[in-house]
């Protein structure tokens, strides 16, 4: 497989230089933080389809749901261009609205426990349209990519996404695992 070479083992990453980067929101998880407050942890990946440093590096941001920090949720919905006046009724809906969307992110560095760490200072509308490596308009194949004819999961015309309108489902014996 390979020859052991400790020089190639790498080390800790240098902090991402302060500046503005094009990124994609690649993960959103709903969390209960140590304080007991609910919110979301957001992972942003610096885009490789844009000529910029630190491509494919991850940035992490937490949004705690409270009256004092609702501005952070507003930043993300504005950055991914959720229409003004849209009601966001849950953290799950917020997650679906922002996941896999491109944004522009301002990064700063701050000291934490004696180490310099990356900090997402602000998110804004992406300045460069996202071009996936394979040219797909919706590279992550998820609802909400901005295409006019698609619906978000909570906008479904069906109340049961697994129903087949009462028709029997025909499954061949060859398709069964036993």
Protein backbone atom coordinates (compact mmCIF):
# COMPACT_ATOMS: atom_id res chain seq x y z
CA UNK A 1 0.00 0.00 0.00
CA UNK A 2 2.63 2.58 1.06
CA UNK A 3 5.99 3.06 2.74
CA UNK A 4 5.91 4.73 6.12
CA UNK A 5 7.28 8.27 5.85
CA UNK A 6 6.76 10.45 8.91
CA UNK A 7 7.53 13.59 6.84
CA UNK A 8 4.26 13.00 4.97
CA UNK A 9 2.20 12.56 8.14
CA UNK A 10 1.24 16.21 8.17
CA UNK A 11 0.50 18.15 11.26
CA UNK A 12 -1.98 20.62 12.50
CA UNK A 13 -3.56 22.90 9.94
CA UNK A 14 -2.56 26.52 9.85
CA UNK A 15 -5.52 28.76 10.61
CA UNK A 16 -7.44 29.95 7.58
CA UNK A 17 -6.22 33.45 6.83
CA UNK A 18 -8.72 36.20 7.63
CA UNK A 19 -10.69 37.17 4.56
CA UNK A 20 -13.76 36.36 2.52
CA UNK A 21 -14.20 32.94 0.93
CA UNK A 22 -16.78 31.24 -1.24
CA UNK A 23 -18.15 28.19 0.57
CA UNK A 24 -20.97 25.63 0.53
CA UNK A 25 -23.02 24.69 3.59
CA UNK A 26 -22.25 20.96 3.65
CA UNK A 27 -23.69 19.90 6.99
CA UNK A 28 -26.32 21.18 9.43
CA UNK A 29 -27.09 19.29 12.61
CA UNK A 30 -29.71 20.18 15.18
CA UNK A 31 -28.18 20.24 18.65
CA UNK A 32 -28.89 20.91 22.29
CA UNK A 33 -25.87 22.86 23.52
CA UNK A 34 -24.23 22.61 26.96
CA UNK A 35 -26.29 25.59 28.08
CA UNK A 36 -29.47 23.62 27.39
CA UNK A 37 -30.37 25.87 24.46
CA UNK A 38 -31.29 24.38 21.10
CA UNK A 39 -29.74 25.43 17.84
CA UNK A 40 -27.75 24.20 14.87
CA UNK A 41 -24.13 23.37 14.15
CA UNK A 42 -23.21 24.36 10.62
CA UNK A 43 -20.26 23.05 8.61
CA UNK A 44 -19.14 25.11 5.64
CA UNK A 45 -16.64 23.82 3.09
CA UNK A 46 -14.48 26.29 1.18
CA UNK A 47 -15.27 25.73 -2.47
CA UNK A 48 -12.75 24.10 -4.79
CA UNK A 49 -14.46 25.41 -7.95
CA UNK A 50 -13.29 28.95 -7.12
CA UNK A 51 -9.65 30.04 -7.38
CA UNK A 52 -8.97 30.72 -3.68
CA UNK A 53 -6.73 29.47 -0.90
CA UNK A 54 -7.78 26.84 1.64
CA UNK A 55 -10.09 24.94 -0.73
CA UNK A 56 -11.89 21.98 0.80
CA UNK A 57 -11.12 23.20 4.34
CA UNK A 58 -13.99 23.16 6.80
CA UNK A 59 -15.36 26.01 8.87
CA UNK A 60 -17.70 25.50 11.78
CA UNK A 61 -20.40 27.81 13.08
CA UNK A 62 -23.00 27.44 15.83
CA UNK A 63 -26.35 29.20 15.85
CA UNK A 64 -28.04 29.11 19.24
CA UNK A 65 -31.76 29.73 19.02
CA UNK A 66 -32.50 32.69 21.27
CA UNK A 67 -33.98 36.14 20.88
CA UNK A 68 -30.51 37.70 21.16
CA UNK A 69 -29.00 35.55 18.41
CA UNK A 70 -31.82 35.32 15.89
CA UNK A 71 -29.76 37.70 13.71
CA UNK A 72 -27.46 34.77 12.95
CA UNK A 73 -30.37 32.71 11.55
CA UNK A 74 -31.41 35.81 9.57
CA UNK A 75 -27.88 36.08 8.14
CA UNK A 76 -28.00 32.52 6.84
CA UNK A 77 -31.48 32.82 5.32
CA UNK A 78 -30.49 36.09 3.64
CA UNK A 79 -27.22 34.54 2.37
CA UNK A 80 -29.02 31.62 0.71
CA UNK A 81 -31.70 33.98 -0.59
CA UNK A 82 -34.78 32.64 1.20
CA UNK A 83 -37.59 34.98 0.10
CA UNK A 84 -38.44 37.85 2.43
CA UNK A 85 -41.51 37.05 4.54
CA UNK A 86 -40.96 33.26 4.56
CA UNK A 87 -42.05 31.77 7.88
CA UNK A 88 -39.52 29.41 9.41
CA UNK A 89 -41.39 27.21 11.84
CA UNK A 90 -38.69 24.81 13.07
CA UNK A 91 -34.99 24.09 13.18
CA UNK A 92 -35.66 21.22 10.76
CA UNK A 93 -37.14 23.66 8.24
CA UNK A 94 -34.21 26.04 8.74
CA UNK A 95 -31.82 23.15 8.09
CA UNK A 96 -33.62 22.23 4.86
CA UNK A 97 -33.57 25.85 3.69
CA UNK A 98 -29.80 26.33 4.00
CA UNK A 99 -28.25 22.88 3.49
CA UNK A 100 -26.05 22.52 0.38
CA UNK A 101 -26.34 26.18 -0.55
CA UNK A 102 -23.39 28.34 -1.63
CA UNK A 103 -22.51 31.38 0.48
CA UNK A 104 -19.75 33.93 0.88
CA UNK A 105 -18.20 33.75 4.33
CA UNK A 106 -16.03 36.26 6.18
CA UNK A 107 -13.45 34.52 8.33
CA UNK A 108 -11.43 35.97 11.21
CA UNK A 109 -9.03 34.35 13.65
CA UNK A 110 -9.30 34.53 17.40
CA UNK A 111 -7.37 33.02 20.24
CA UNK A 112 -9.10 30.26 22.19
CA UNK A 113 -7.33 28.27 24.93
CA UNK A 114 -3.98 29.58 23.72
CA UNK A 115 -4.50 28.58 20.07
CA UNK A 116 -5.55 30.59 17.04
CA UNK A 117 -8.88 29.36 15.68
CA UNK A 118 -10.98 30.17 12.62
CA UNK A 119 -14.18 32.06 13.30
CA UNK A 120 -17.08 32.63 10.94
CA UNK A 121 -17.74 36.32 11.43
CA UNK A 122 -20.42 36.81 8.79
CA UNK A 123 -22.19 34.96 5.96
CA UNK A 124 -23.53 36.65 2.86
CA UNK A 125 -24.83 35.85 -0.63
CA UNK A 126 -22.31 33.91 -2.73
CA UNK A 127 -20.53 36.18 -5.18
CA UNK A 128 -19.66 33.33 -7.57
CA UNK A 129 -22.39 31.00 -8.92
CA UNK A 130 -21.78 27.41 -7.87
CA UNK A 131 -20.44 25.22 -10.65
CA UNK A 132 -20.24 21.60 -9.65
CA UNK A 133 -17.40 19.55 -11.13
CA UNK A 134 -19.86 17.59 -13.29
CA UNK A 135 -21.77 20.72 -14.37
CA UNK A 136 -25.00 19.76 -12.60
CA UNK A 137 -27.22 22.72 -11.70
CA UNK A 138 -28.14 21.02 -8.43
CA UNK A 139 -24.93 19.09 -7.61
CA UNK A 140 -26.21 17.72 -4.32
CA UNK A 141 -29.57 16.63 -5.79
CA UNK A 142 -31.57 18.14 -2.97
CA UNK A 143 -34.72 20.26 -2.91
CA UNK A 144 -34.30 23.98 -2.57
CA UNK A 145 -31.50 24.51 -5.06
CA UNK A 146 -33.38 27.46 -6.44
CA UNK A 147 -35.02 25.69 -9.35
CA UNK A 148 -38.53 27.09 -9.77
CA UNK A 149 -40.44 23.83 -10.21
CA UNK A 150 -39.19 21.97 -7.15
CA UNK A 151 -40.80 21.91 -3.73
CA UNK A 152 -39.30 21.80 -0.29
CA UNK A 153 -40.05 18.68 1.77
CA UNK A 154 -42.74 20.41 3.85
CA UNK A 155 -44.47 21.67 0.67
CA UNK A 156 -45.30 18.19 -0.64
CA UNK A 157 -48.69 17.65 -2.25
CA UNK A 158 -48.90 14.28 -0.49
CA UNK A 159 -49.27 13.85 3.23
CA UNK A 160 -47.56 10.44 3.09
CA UNK A 161 -44.46 10.40 0.88
CA UNK A 162 -44.41 6.58 0.89
CA UNK A 163 -47.99 6.06 -0.24
CA UNK A 164 -48.68 4.89 -3.77
CA UNK A 165 -52.23 6.29 -3.94
CA UNK A 166 -53.70 3.00 -2.70
CA UNK A 167 -52.37 0.96 -5.61
CA UNK A 168 -50.68 -2.35 -4.84
CA UNK A 169 -46.89 -2.44 -5.07
CA UNK A 170 -45.53 -5.22 -7.26
CA UNK A 171 -42.17 -6.56 -6.05
CA UNK A 172 -40.46 -9.42 -7.85
CA UNK A 173 -39.11 -12.32 -5.81
CA UNK A 174 -35.73 -11.58 -7.43
CA UNK A 175 -35.69 -8.20 -5.66
CA UNK A 176 -36.04 -9.70 -2.18
CA UNK A 177 -32.92 -10.37 -0.11
CA UNK A 178 -34.19 -13.71 1.23
